Amino acid sequence: MVQKYVRKKPIISGTVSPLHKKKIDQLVAEGEFASVSDFINQAVADLLKKYENSTVPYFSNERFTEDEIALLKSIIREKAADMDFEKTEGNE
């Protein structure tokens, strides 16, 4: 009898910008990571480690480097550029 494979890791889903996806795919293609899943696992582990080792409140500017803050700002600008801020019926 063939034993059924049981996944040991839970599956989560999320979205990233096309630019981030392209960079992740490039790192995987270059062999820096075995897969996109491997990259995500490492990124989550690094962020959790940073969070757990810090006594600074999580969303404080002291927690992030200048480069990380610049990246977050660029992501916000990118998302804002995609938003339609025109007045629509019922939204005046």
Protein backbone atom coordinates (compact mmCIF):
# COMPACT_ATOMS: atom_id res chain seq x y z
CA MET A 1 0.00 0.00 0.00
CA VAL A 2 1.35 3.44 -0.97
CA GLN A 3 1.55 5.86 1.92
CA LYS A 4 0.01 9.29 1.34
CA TYR A 5 2.44 12.22 1.48
CA VAL A 6 1.68 14.62 4.32
CA ARG A 7 2.96 18.17 3.93
CA LYS A 8 4.80 19.22 7.08
CA LYS A 9 4.78 22.95 6.37
CA PRO A 10 1.59 24.99 6.23
CA ILE A 11 0.83 26.83 3.00
CA ILE A 12 0.30 30.59 3.06
CA SER A 13 -0.23 32.97 0.19
CA GLY A 14 0.54 36.61 -0.40
CA THR A 15 1.32 39.12 -3.08
CA VAL A 16 4.46 41.04 -3.99
CA SER A 17 5.16 43.74 -6.52
CA PRO A 18 6.20 42.63 -10.01
CA LEU A 19 9.66 44.09 -9.34
CA HIS A 20 10.12 42.01 -6.19
CA LYS A 21 8.88 38.87 -7.97
CA LYS A 22 11.37 39.46 -10.78
CA LYS A 23 14.23 39.89 -8.28
CA ILE A 24 13.23 36.76 -6.37
CA ASP A 25 13.00 34.73 -9.58
CA GLN A 26 16.43 36.01 -10.60
CA LEU A 27 17.97 34.94 -7.27
CA VAL A 28 16.41 31.49 -7.66
CA ALA A 29 17.64 31.21 -11.27
CA GLU A 30 21.15 32.19 -10.15
CA GLY A 31 21.08 29.41 -7.54
CA GLU A 32 21.10 31.71 -4.51
CA PHE A 33 17.92 29.96 -3.32
CA ALA A 34 16.58 26.52 -4.18
CA SER A 35 13.08 27.85 -4.83
CA VAL A 36 10.77 30.80 -4.27
CA SER A 37 9.51 28.95 -1.20
CA ASP A 38 13.08 28.72 0.10
CA PHE A 39 13.52 32.48 -0.42
CA ILE A 40 10.25 33.26 1.42
CA ASN A 41 11.15 30.95 4.31
CA GLN A 42 14.53 32.65 4.70
CA ALA A 43 13.04 36.14 4.47
CA VAL A 44 10.41 35.33 7.10
CA ALA A 45 12.98 33.73 9.40
CA ASP A 46 15.27 36.77 9.10
CA LEU A 47 12.45 39.23 9.79
CA LEU A 48 11.17 37.23 12.78
CA LYS A 49 14.71 36.99 14.18
CA LYS A 50 15.13 40.74 13.79
CA TYR A 51 11.77 41.31 15.49
CA GLU A 52 12.40 38.88 18.36
CA ASN A 53 15.90 40.23 19.07
CA SER A 54 14.81 43.84 19.27
CA THR A 55 13.59 45.80 22.25
CA VAL A 56 12.50 48.65 19.97
CA PRO A 57 8.78 48.80 19.12
CA TYR A 58 8.21 47.00 15.82
CA PHE A 59 7.16 49.96 13.68
CA SER A 60 9.70 52.40 15.07
CA ASN A 61 12.15 54.03 12.64
CA GLU A 62 14.92 52.71 14.90
CA ARG A 63 14.03 49.16 13.88
CA PHE A 64 14.60 49.69 10.14
CA THR A 65 17.74 50.68 8.28
CA GLU A 66 17.67 53.69 5.97
CA ASP A 67 17.67 51.31 2.98
CA GLU A 68 14.67 49.41 4.36
CA ILE A 69 12.78 52.65 4.96
CA ALA A 70 13.56 53.78 1.39
CA LEU A 71 12.30 50.44 0.08
CA LEU A 72 9.08 50.69 2.08
CA LYS A 73 8.52 54.24 0.81
CA SER A 74 9.05 53.10 -2.80
CA ILE A 75 6.54 50.28 -2.33
CA ILE A 76 3.99 52.73 -0.95
CA ARG A 77 4.59 55.14 -3.85
CA GLU A 78 4.24 52.26 -6.36
CA LYS A 79 0.96 51.11 -4.84
CA ALA A 80 -0.36 54.68 -4.60
CA ALA A 81 0.43 55.24 -8.29
CA ASP A 82 -1.79 52.27 -9.15
CA MET A 83 -4.73 53.64 -7.15
CA ASP A 84 -7.51 55.64 -8.74
CA PHE A 85 -8.14 58.67 -6.57
CA GLU A 86 -10.77 60.14 -8.91
CA LYS A 87 -14.11 60.85 -7.30
CA THR A 88 -16.63 58.20 -8.14
CA GLU A 89 -20.38 58.18 -7.73
CA GLY A 90 -21.22 57.74 -4.06
CA ASN A 91 -17.66 58.53 -3.02
CA GLU A 92 -17.71 62.32 -2.89
